[in-house]
């Protein structure tokens, strides 16, 4: 591992890239669906629960990626580094798994 300062800067840079990807991917997938008249409220009960759980997990992941991509302002470097390491790891996992769950709910829904 490199120094904490270098590693923290790397996390901030990659966190910004992950955040951009996390915002573009759902827009590309859901945009055409919503434009065609599809609405998540029309899904049957098991699928809508899976969709909304996935959407919630993805939103929490985005929050983690936002925090990972923010510059360090009010924390000492040791504390900021540990926060950013956890935030980027948890943010990526929550976002990707949440989008996968929501996407599967859409694809496997009979409507």
C-alpha atoms as a PDB file:
ATOM      1  CA  UNK A   1       0.000   0.000   0.000  1.00  0.00           C
ATOM      2  CA  UNK A   2       1.178   3.468  -0.804  1.00  0.00           C
ATOM      3  CA  UNK A   3       1.061   6.297   1.705  1.00  0.00           C
ATOM      4  CA  UNK A   4      -2.306   7.251   3.170  1.00  0.00           C
ATOM      5  CA  UNK A   5      -2.315  10.578   1.346  1.00  0.00           C
ATOM      6  CA  UNK A   6      -1.697   8.979  -2.057  1.00  0.00           C
ATOM      7  CA  UNK A   7      -4.214   6.206  -1.386  1.00  0.00           C
ATOM      8  CA  UNK A   8      -6.844   8.734  -0.259  1.00  0.00           C
ATOM      9  CA  UNK A   9      -6.332  10.791  -3.431  1.00  0.00           C
ATOM     10  CA  UNK A  10      -6.710   7.629  -5.519  1.00  0.00           C
ATOM     11  CA  UNK A  11      -9.968   6.774  -3.736  1.00  0.00           C
ATOM     12  CA  UNK A  12     -11.286  10.290  -4.351  1.00  0.00           C
ATOM     13  CA  UNK A  13     -10.467  10.042  -8.089  1.00  0.00           C
ATOM     14  CA  UNK A  14     -11.890   6.553  -8.551  1.00  0.00           C
ATOM     15  CA  UNK A  15     -14.888   7.362  -6.354  1.00  0.00           C
ATOM     16  CA  UNK A  16     -15.788  10.146  -8.753  1.00  0.00           C
ATOM     17  CA  UNK A  17     -15.567   7.779 -11.729  1.00  0.00           C
ATOM     18  CA  UNK A  18     -17.674   5.127  -9.956  1.00  0.00           C
ATOM     19  CA  UNK A  19     -20.231   7.794  -9.067  1.00  0.00           C
ATOM     20  CA  UNK A  20     -20.509   8.899 -12.687  1.00  0.00           C
ATOM     21  CA  UNK A  21     -21.013   5.291 -13.789  1.00  0.00           C
ATOM     22  CA  UNK A  22     -23.573   4.750 -11.018  1.00  0.00           C
ATOM     23  CA  UNK A  23     -25.601   7.701 -12.276  1.00  0.00           C
ATOM     24  CA  UNK A  24     -25.376   6.966 -16.013  1.00  0.00           C
ATOM     25  CA  UNK A  25     -26.126   3.207 -15.957  1.00  0.00           C
ATOM     26  CA  UNK A  26     -29.624   3.367 -14.424  1.00  0.00           C
ATOM     27  CA  UNK A  27     -30.542   6.353 -16.572  1.00  0.00           C
ATOM     28  CA  UNK A  28     -29.626   4.427 -19.712  1.00  0.00           C
ATOM     29  CA  UNK A  29     -31.620   1.386 -18.594  1.00  0.00           C
ATOM     30  CA  UNK A  30     -34.671   3.059 -17.063  1.00  0.00           C
ATOM     31  CA  UNK A  31     -34.956   6.016 -19.437  1.00  0.00           C
ATOM     32  CA  UNK A  32     -36.387   4.082 -22.388  1.00  0.00           C
ATOM     33  CA  UNK A  33     -38.631   2.043 -20.075  1.00  0.00           C
ATOM     34  CA  UNK A  34     -40.114   5.130 -18.462  1.00  0.00           C
ATOM     35  CA  UNK A  35     -40.461   6.875 -21.817  1.00  0.00           C
ATOM     36  CA  UNK A  36     -42.468   3.939 -23.144  1.00  0.00           C
ATOM     37  CA  UNK A  37     -44.991   4.245 -20.318  1.00  0.00           C
ATOM     38  CA  UNK A  38     -43.695   1.585 -17.923  1.00  0.00           C
ATOM     39  CA  UNK A  39     -44.032   2.435 -14.225  1.00  0.00           C
ATOM     40  CA  UNK A  40     -42.595   0.514 -11.253  1.00  0.00           C
ATOM     41  CA  UNK A  41     -45.924   0.766  -9.434  1.00  0.00           C
ATOM     42  CA  UNK A  42     -47.478  -1.521 -12.052  1.00  0.00           C
ATOM     43  CA  UNK A  43     -45.241  -4.456 -11.093  1.00  0.00           C
ATOM     44  CA  UNK A  44     -46.784  -7.423  -9.227  1.00  0.00           C
ATOM     45  CA  UNK A  45     -46.100  -7.663  -5.464  1.00  0.00           C
ATOM     46  CA  UNK A  46     -43.016  -9.923  -5.287  1.00  0.00           C
ATOM     47  CA  UNK A  47     -41.289  -8.087  -8.116  1.00  0.00           C
ATOM     48  CA  UNK A  48     -42.086  -4.603  -6.832  1.00  0.00           C
ATOM     49  CA  UNK A  49     -40.610  -5.399  -3.412  1.00  0.00           C
ATOM     50  CA  UNK A  50     -37.427  -6.670  -5.064  1.00  0.00           C
ATOM     51  CA  UNK A  51     -37.307  -3.610  -7.317  1.00  0.00           C
ATOM     52  CA  UNK A  52     -37.685  -1.119  -4.467  1.00  0.00           C
ATOM     53  CA  UNK A  53     -35.182  -2.985  -2.249  1.00  0.00           C
ATOM     54  CA  UNK A  54     -32.721  -2.899  -5.123  1.00  0.00           C
ATOM     55  CA  UNK A  55     -33.391   0.782  -5.726  1.00  0.00           C
ATOM     56  CA  UNK A  56     -32.862   1.527  -2.030  1.00  0.00           C
ATOM     57  CA  UNK A  57     -29.597  -0.442  -1.955  1.00  0.00           C
ATOM     58  CA  UNK A  58     -28.403   1.335  -5.103  1.00  0.00           C
ATOM     59  CA  UNK A  59     -29.281   4.732  -3.598  1.00  0.00           C
ATOM     60  CA  UNK A  60     -27.360   3.918  -0.417  1.00  0.00           C
ATOM     61  CA  UNK A  61     -24.454   2.838  -2.603  1.00  0.00           C
ATOM     62  CA  UNK A  62     -24.572   6.165  -4.432  1.00  0.00           C
ATOM     63  CA  UNK A  63     -24.446   7.951  -1.069  1.00  0.00           C
ATOM     64  CA  UNK A  64     -21.329   5.960  -0.180  1.00  0.00           C
ATOM     65  CA  UNK A  65     -19.739   6.789  -3.525  1.00  0.00           C
ATOM     66  CA  UNK A  66     -20.543  10.481  -3.055  1.00  0.00           C
ATOM     67  CA  UNK A  67     -18.803  10.429   0.308  1.00  0.00           C
ATOM     68  CA  UNK A  68     -15.836   8.529  -1.144  1.00  0.00           C
ATOM     69  CA  UNK A  69     -15.493  11.050  -3.971  1.00  0.00           C
ATOM     70  CA  UNK A  70     -15.688  14.141  -1.747  1.00  0.00           C
ATOM     71  CA  UNK A  71     -12.469  15.963  -0.949  1.00  0.00           C
ATOM     72  CA  UNK A  72     -11.167  15.659   2.595  1.00  0.00           C
ATOM     73  CA  UNK A  73     -12.143  18.819   4.444  1.00  0.00           C
ATOM     74  CA  UNK A  74     -12.781  18.423   8.144  1.00  0.00           C
ATOM     75  CA  UNK A  75     -11.135  15.177   9.201  1.00  0.00           C
ATOM     76  CA  UNK A  76      -7.555  14.208   9.952  1.00  0.00           C
ATOM     77  CA  UNK A  77      -5.964  12.130   7.187  1.00  0.00           C
ATOM     78  CA  UNK A  78      -5.985   8.879   9.175  1.00  0.00           C
ATOM     79  CA  UNK A  79      -9.708   9.152   9.889  1.00  0.00           C
ATOM     80  CA  UNK A  80     -10.574  10.347   6.370  1.00  0.00           C
ATOM     81  CA  UNK A  81      -8.609   7.480   4.832  1.00  0.00           C
ATOM     82  CA  UNK A  82     -10.423   4.834   6.855  1.00  0.00           C
ATOM     83  CA  UNK A  83     -13.810   6.437   6.069  1.00  0.00           C
ATOM     84  CA  UNK A  84     -13.104   6.576   2.352  1.00  0.00           C
ATOM     85  CA  UNK A  85     -11.842   2.981   2.194  1.00  0.00           C
ATOM     86  CA  UNK A  86     -15.068   1.729   3.777  1.00  0.00           C
ATOM     87  CA  UNK A  87     -17.297   4.085   1.763  1.00  0.00           C
ATOM     88  CA  UNK A  88     -15.921   3.157  -1.646  1.00  0.00           C
ATOM     89  CA  UNK A  89     -16.016  -0.585  -0.950  1.00  0.00           C
ATOM     90  CA  UNK A  90     -19.497  -0.600   0.561  1.00  0.00           C
ATOM     91  CA  UNK A  91     -20.746   1.941  -1.986  1.00  0.00           C
ATOM     92  CA  UNK A  92     -19.646  -0.138  -4.975  1.00  0.00           C
ATOM     93  CA  UNK A  93     -21.090  -3.359  -3.557  1.00  0.00           C
ATOM     94  CA  UNK A  94     -24.423  -1.800  -2.587  1.00  0.00           C
ATOM     95  CA  UNK A  95     -24.798   0.092  -5.841  1.00  0.00           C
ATOM     96  CA  UNK A  96     -23.958  -2.782  -8.169  1.00  0.00           C
ATOM     97  CA  UNK A  97     -25.937  -5.376  -6.219  1.00  0.00           C
ATOM     98  CA  UNK A  98     -28.906  -3.023  -5.860  1.00  0.00           C
ATOM     99  CA  UNK A  99     -28.971  -2.282  -9.575  1.00  0.00           C
ATOM    100  CA  UNK A 100     -28.668  -6.002 -10.323  1.00  0.00           C
ATOM    101  CA  UNK A 101     -31.575  -6.829  -8.004  1.00  0.00           C
ATOM    102  CA  UNK A 102     -33.760  -4.085  -9.457  1.00  0.00           C
ATOM    103  CA  UNK A 103     -32.844  -5.105 -12.990  1.00  0.00           C
ATOM    104  CA  UNK A 104     -33.641  -8.753 -12.311  1.00  0.00           C
ATOM    105  CA  UNK A 105     -36.968  -7.754 -10.797  1.00  0.00           C
ATOM    106  CA  UNK A 106     -37.805  -5.863 -13.988  1.00  0.00           C
ATOM    107  CA  UNK A 107     -36.636  -8.638 -16.297  1.00  0.00           C
ATOM    108  CA  UNK A 108     -38.357 -11.449 -14.391  1.00  0.00           C
ATOM    109  CA  UNK A 109     -41.598  -9.555 -13.847  1.00  0.00           C
ATOM    110  CA  UNK A 110     -44.496 -10.998 -15.850  1.00  0.00           C
ATOM    111  CA  UNK A 111     -45.881  -7.540 -16.666  1.00  0.00           C
END
